Amino acid sequence: MLEVIKERDKVTAAELTDEFPLSKSSIHNYLNTLEHEGYIINEEGTYRLGLRLLDLGGYARHKKRLYQSSKDEVTKLAVESGEMANLLVEEHGRGIYLYRANGEQAVTSDSYIGHRVYLHNTALGLAILAHLPRERVNKIIEQHGLPQTTENTITDRNALLDRLDRVRETGLAFDEEERLKGLRCVAIPIIDKNDEVKGAISISGPMSRLQGDYYQTELPEKLKNAANMIELNINYT
């Protein structure tokens, strides 16, 4: 029910009754409970999400060790590059932006902290998928598919698996306008001492700036240095 309210921004009880196979009284009972607990707000019969969810999400993020170990390095990447720097983790087969920081030139995108994205069409997601067991990757594909978001999105399983092999070999993932037109991104995974991927960090920006050696060499080097510091933090502190 909360997901439906999020997707539609605002809903009425009647709209929810059409969405779920529940009686009107059951829908109203759920809404009253959610409103009482602060998860939704009732504005003259129209319901929207409340900030209680932000409290829970913020607490969950704060308790995550990777967040504590990464946020300073991600912020540093944003400051040094002037672009947007991101930290993504995988949960239930989707990517979740755990943290992000904007440099002076950062472009605005549709994502935000807590935003869920597919893994196959982002550099961050590719960096994570490349270091997951192949069986797990196949399950994610079966569960979520490979939906196309731009003309550059990989939508073929075999093509994706070949791409992941290359990412694993090089340790770098590049996004060539595969989720958003005009946006490039380079990412690197965060690997713990047990050789398990914990997440990925990236720098993203417009194609007009992310070009040549700056995109292919300089930014990856910054990411490698940041990833090394993060891995030291999560493994030995």
Protein backbone atom coordinates (compact mmCIF):
# COMPACT_ATOMS: atom_id res chain seq x y z
CA MET A 1 0.00 0.00 0.00
CA LEU A 2 2.86 2.37 0.82
CA GLU A 3 4.47 1.58 -2.54
CA VAL A 4 1.26 2.49 -4.36
CA ILE A 5 1.02 5.78 -2.47
CA LYS A 6 4.64 6.51 -3.36
CA GLU A 7 4.13 5.74 -7.05
CA ARG A 8 1.02 7.90 -7.33
CA ASP A 9 2.20 10.64 -4.94
CA LYS A 10 -1.32 11.04 -3.52
CA VAL A 11 -4.25 8.60 -3.41
CA THR A 12 -7.76 8.32 -2.01
CA ALA A 13 -9.25 5.37 -0.17
CA ALA A 14 -11.45 4.67 -3.19
CA GLU A 15 -8.39 4.41 -5.46
CA LEU A 16 -6.77 1.96 -3.06
CA THR A 17 -9.95 -0.10 -2.97
CA ASP A 18 -9.66 -0.47 -6.74
CA GLU A 19 -5.99 -1.46 -6.38
CA PHE A 20 -6.29 -4.15 -3.68
CA PRO A 21 -8.74 -7.07 -3.26
CA LEU A 22 -9.85 -5.77 0.14
CA SER A 23 -13.10 -4.39 1.50
CA LYS A 24 -13.55 -0.64 1.98
CA SER A 25 -13.56 -1.12 5.75
CA SER A 26 -10.24 -3.02 5.61
CA ILE A 27 -8.67 -0.30 3.47
CA HIS A 28 -9.82 2.38 5.91
CA ASN A 29 -8.50 0.36 8.87
CA TYR A 30 -5.08 0.09 7.23
CA LEU A 31 -5.06 3.79 6.39
CA ASN A 32 -6.08 4.79 9.91
CA THR A 33 -3.30 2.65 11.39
CA LEU A 34 -0.68 4.01 8.98
CA GLU A 35 -1.81 7.57 9.68
CA HIS A 36 -1.74 7.04 13.44
CA GLU A 37 1.83 5.71 13.26
CA GLY A 38 2.97 8.62 11.08
CA TYR A 39 3.64 6.65 7.89
CA ILE A 40 1.05 8.59 5.89
CA ILE A 41 -0.67 11.97 6.11
CA ASN A 42 -4.37 12.53 5.50
CA GLU A 43 -5.09 15.76 3.63
CA GLU A 44 -8.87 16.01 3.43
CA GLY A 45 -9.29 12.42 2.32
CA THR A 46 -6.19 12.28 0.14
CA TYR A 47 -3.22 10.34 1.49
CA ARG A 48 0.50 10.89 0.93
CA LEU A 49 3.63 9.50 2.55
CA GLY A 50 4.74 10.90 5.89
CA LEU A 51 8.26 11.48 7.16
CA ARG A 52 8.21 8.56 9.60
CA LEU A 53 9.60 6.48 6.75
CA LEU A 54 12.54 8.87 6.50
CA ASP A 55 13.25 8.27 10.18
CA LEU A 56 13.32 4.50 9.70
CA GLY A 57 15.37 4.67 6.52
CA GLY A 58 17.83 7.08 8.08
CA TYR A 59 18.27 4.80 11.08
CA ALA A 60 18.82 1.74 8.87
CA ARG A 61 21.40 3.62 6.82
CA HIS A 62 23.18 4.97 9.90
CA LYS A 63 23.56 1.44 11.29
CA LYS A 64 25.06 0.13 8.05
CA ARG A 65 28.82 -0.12 8.39
CA LEU A 66 29.45 0.51 4.70
CA TYR A 67 27.72 3.88 4.93
CA GLN A 68 29.83 4.97 7.89
CA SER A 69 33.00 3.80 6.15
CA SER A 70 32.20 5.37 2.78
CA LYS A 71 30.48 8.73 3.19
CA ASP A 72 33.63 10.81 3.72
CA GLU A 73 35.36 9.24 0.72
CA VAL A 74 32.29 9.70 -1.49
CA THR A 75 32.06 13.35 -0.45
CA LYS A 76 35.75 13.77 -1.24
CA LEU A 77 35.20 12.31 -4.72
CA ALA A 78 32.44 14.84 -5.38
CA VAL A 79 34.57 17.76 -4.21
CA GLU A 80 37.63 16.71 -6.21
CA SER A 81 35.78 15.90 -9.42
CA GLY A 82 33.12 18.59 -9.21
CA GLU A 83 30.61 15.95 -10.30
CA MET A 84 28.10 13.71 -8.54
CA ALA A 85 29.54 10.84 -6.49
CA ASN A 86 27.41 7.89 -5.39
CA LEU A 87 27.34 4.85 -3.13
CA LEU A 88 25.02 2.01 -4.14
CA VAL A 89 24.19 -1.29 -2.44
CA GLU A 90 22.20 -4.29 -3.65
CA GLU A 91 19.12 -5.43 -1.79
CA HIS A 92 16.51 -7.90 -3.06
CA GLY A 93 18.01 -7.74 -6.54
CA ARG A 94 17.73 -3.96 -6.92
CA GLY A 95 20.21 -1.17 -6.33
CA ILE A 96 19.62 1.35 -3.54
CA TYR A 97 21.44 4.69 -3.37
CA LEU A 98 22.83 4.68 0.15
CA TYR A 99 24.66 7.99 -0.13
CA ARG A 100 25.49 10.64 -2.69
CA ALA A 101 27.31 13.95 -2.77
CA ASN A 102 27.27 16.77 -5.31
CA GLY A 103 30.30 18.67 -6.55
CA GLU A 104 30.15 22.25 -7.81
CA GLN A 105 29.28 21.19 -11.38
CA ALA A 106 27.03 18.23 -10.55
CA VAL A 107 24.02 17.80 -12.82
CA THR A 108 20.58 17.07 -11.46
CA SER A 109 19.27 13.55 -12.04
CA ASP A 110 16.12 11.66 -11.14
CA SER A 111 17.76 9.62 -8.37
CA TYR A 112 18.03 10.37 -4.67
CA ILE A 113 19.17 8.69 -1.45
CA GLY A 114 17.00 5.63 -1.01
CA HIS A 115 16.05 5.50 -4.69
CA ARG A 116 15.80 1.96 -6.06
CA VAL A 117 17.15 1.23 -9.53
CA TYR A 118 17.76 -1.76 -11.76
CA LEU A 119 21.29 -3.10 -11.66
CA HIS A 120 21.84 -3.94 -15.34
CA ASN A 121 21.69 -0.38 -16.69
CA THR A 122 23.98 1.52 -14.32
CA ALA A 123 27.74 1.44 -13.85
CA LEU A 124 27.19 0.97 -10.12
CA GLY A 125 24.89 -1.98 -10.70
CA LEU A 126 27.22 -3.57 -13.24
CA ALA A 127 30.13 -3.28 -10.80
CA ILE A 128 28.07 -5.14 -8.19
CA LEU A 129 26.63 -7.77 -10.54
CA ALA A 130 30.08 -8.59 -11.91
CA HIS A 131 31.21 -9.68 -8.46
CA LEU A 132 28.13 -11.66 -7.46
CA PRO A 133 27.96 -15.44 -8.01
CA ARG A 134 26.59 -16.21 -11.48
CA GLU A 135 23.69 -18.14 -9.96
CA ARG A 136 22.67 -15.04 -8.02
CA VAL A 137 22.94 -12.88 -11.15
CA ASN A 138 20.66 -15.25 -13.05
CA LYS A 139 18.10 -15.15 -10.25
CA ILE A 140 18.13 -11.34 -10.31
CA ILE A 141 17.56 -11.37 -14.07
CA GLU A 142 14.69 -13.83 -13.69
CA GLN A 143 13.13 -11.77 -10.91
CA HIS A 144 13.48 -8.28 -12.37
CA GLY A 145 14.13 -8.81 -16.07
CA LEU A 146 16.26 -6.48 -18.19
CA PRO A 147 13.94 -3.55 -18.95
CA GLN A 148 15.12 -0.98 -21.47
CA THR A 149 15.39 2.63 -20.33
CA THR A 150 17.43 4.06 -23.22
CA GLU A 151 18.53 2.80 -26.64
CA ASN A 152 21.88 1.84 -25.07
CA THR A 153 20.46 -0.40 -22.33
CA ILE A 154 21.54 -4.04 -22.46
CA THR A 155 18.41 -6.17 -22.70
CA ASP A 156 19.93 -9.52 -23.71
CA ARG A 157 21.03 -11.95 -20.98
CA ASN A 158 24.09 -13.28 -22.82
CA ALA A 159 25.24 -9.78 -23.76
CA LEU A 160 24.93 -8.75 -20.12
CA LEU A 161 26.89 -11.76 -18.88
CA ASP A 162 29.67 -11.01 -21.38
CA ARG A 163 29.71 -7.41 -20.17
CA LEU A 164 29.97 -8.56 -16.55
CA ASP A 165 32.96 -10.76 -17.41
CA ARG A 166 34.77 -7.71 -18.80
CA VAL A 167 33.87 -5.62 -15.76
CA ARG A 168 35.20 -8.30 -13.44
CA GLU A 169 38.45 -8.52 -15.42
CA THR A 170 39.10 -4.77 -15.43
CA GLY A 171 37.57 -3.92 -12.05
CA LEU A 172 35.75 -0.98 -13.65
CA ALA A 173 32.24 -0.45 -14.99
CA PHE A 174 31.19 2.30 -17.37
CA ASP A 175 27.66 3.51 -18.09
CA GLU A 176 27.33 4.96 -21.58
CA GLU A 177 23.91 6.60 -21.38
CA GLU A 178 22.39 3.24 -20.44
CA ARG A 179 19.94 4.55 -17.83
CA LEU A 180 19.70 8.25 -18.65
CA LYS A 181 20.41 9.99 -21.95
CA GLY A 182 23.33 12.38 -21.82
CA LEU A 183 24.78 10.92 -18.60
CA ARG A 184 27.97 8.92 -18.24
CA CYS A 185 29.20 7.15 -15.14
CA VAL A 186 32.22 5.14 -14.03
CA ALA A 187 32.05 2.84 -11.01
CA ILE A 188 34.16 0.46 -8.96
CA PRO A 189 33.07 -2.25 -6.51
CA ILE A 190 33.76 -2.33 -2.79
CA ILE A 191 35.09 -5.79 -1.86
CA ASP A 192 35.58 -7.05 1.69
CA LYS A 193 38.32 -9.34 2.99
CA ASN A 194 36.16 -12.38 2.23
CA ASP A 195 36.09 -11.36 -1.44
CA GLU A 196 32.39 -10.48 -1.22
CA VAL A 197 31.02 -7.37 -2.90
CA LYS A 198 29.47 -4.95 -0.39
CA GLY A 199 28.46 -2.19 -2.80
CA ALA A 200 29.93 0.18 -5.38
CA ILE A 201 30.95 3.82 -5.68
CA SER A 202 30.83 5.99 -8.78
CA ILE A 203 31.31 9.40 -10.34
CA SER A 204 28.72 10.52 -12.87
CA GLY A 205 28.34 13.54 -15.11
CA PRO A 206 27.37 14.78 -18.56
CA MET A 207 29.01 13.38 -21.69
CA SER A 208 30.29 16.85 -22.51
CA ARG A 209 32.65 16.68 -19.51
CA LEU A 210 33.26 12.96 -19.01
CA GLN A 211 35.46 12.28 -22.03
CA GLY A 212 38.88 10.98 -23.02
CA ASP A 213 41.60 10.28 -20.47
CA TYR A 214 39.68 12.17 -17.79
CA TYR A 215 36.83 9.68 -18.08
CA GLN A 216 38.84 6.56 -18.91
CA THR A 217 41.85 7.04 -16.62
CA GLU A 218 41.75 9.98 -14.20
CA LEU A 219 38.33 9.37 -12.66
CA PRO A 220 38.90 5.60 -12.35
CA GLU A 221 42.13 6.30 -10.49
CA LYS A 222 40.29 8.54 -8.03
CA LEU A 223 37.70 5.80 -7.53
CA LYS A 224 40.36 3.14 -6.96
CA ASN A 225 42.01 5.26 -4.27
CA ALA A 226 38.67 5.89 -2.57
CA ALA A 227 37.66 2.22 -2.78
CA ASN A 228 40.97 1.21 -1.24
CA MET A 229 40.37 3.50 1.76
CA ILE A 230 36.79 2.27 2.16
CA GLU A 231 37.87 -1.37 2.03
CA LEU A 232 40.52 -0.72 4.67
CA ASN A 233 37.85 0.88 6.86
CA ILE A 234 35.33 -1.94 6.56
CA ASN A 235 37.92 -4.70 6.90
CA TYR A 236 40.14 -3.45 9.70
CA THR A 237 38.23 -0.95 11.86
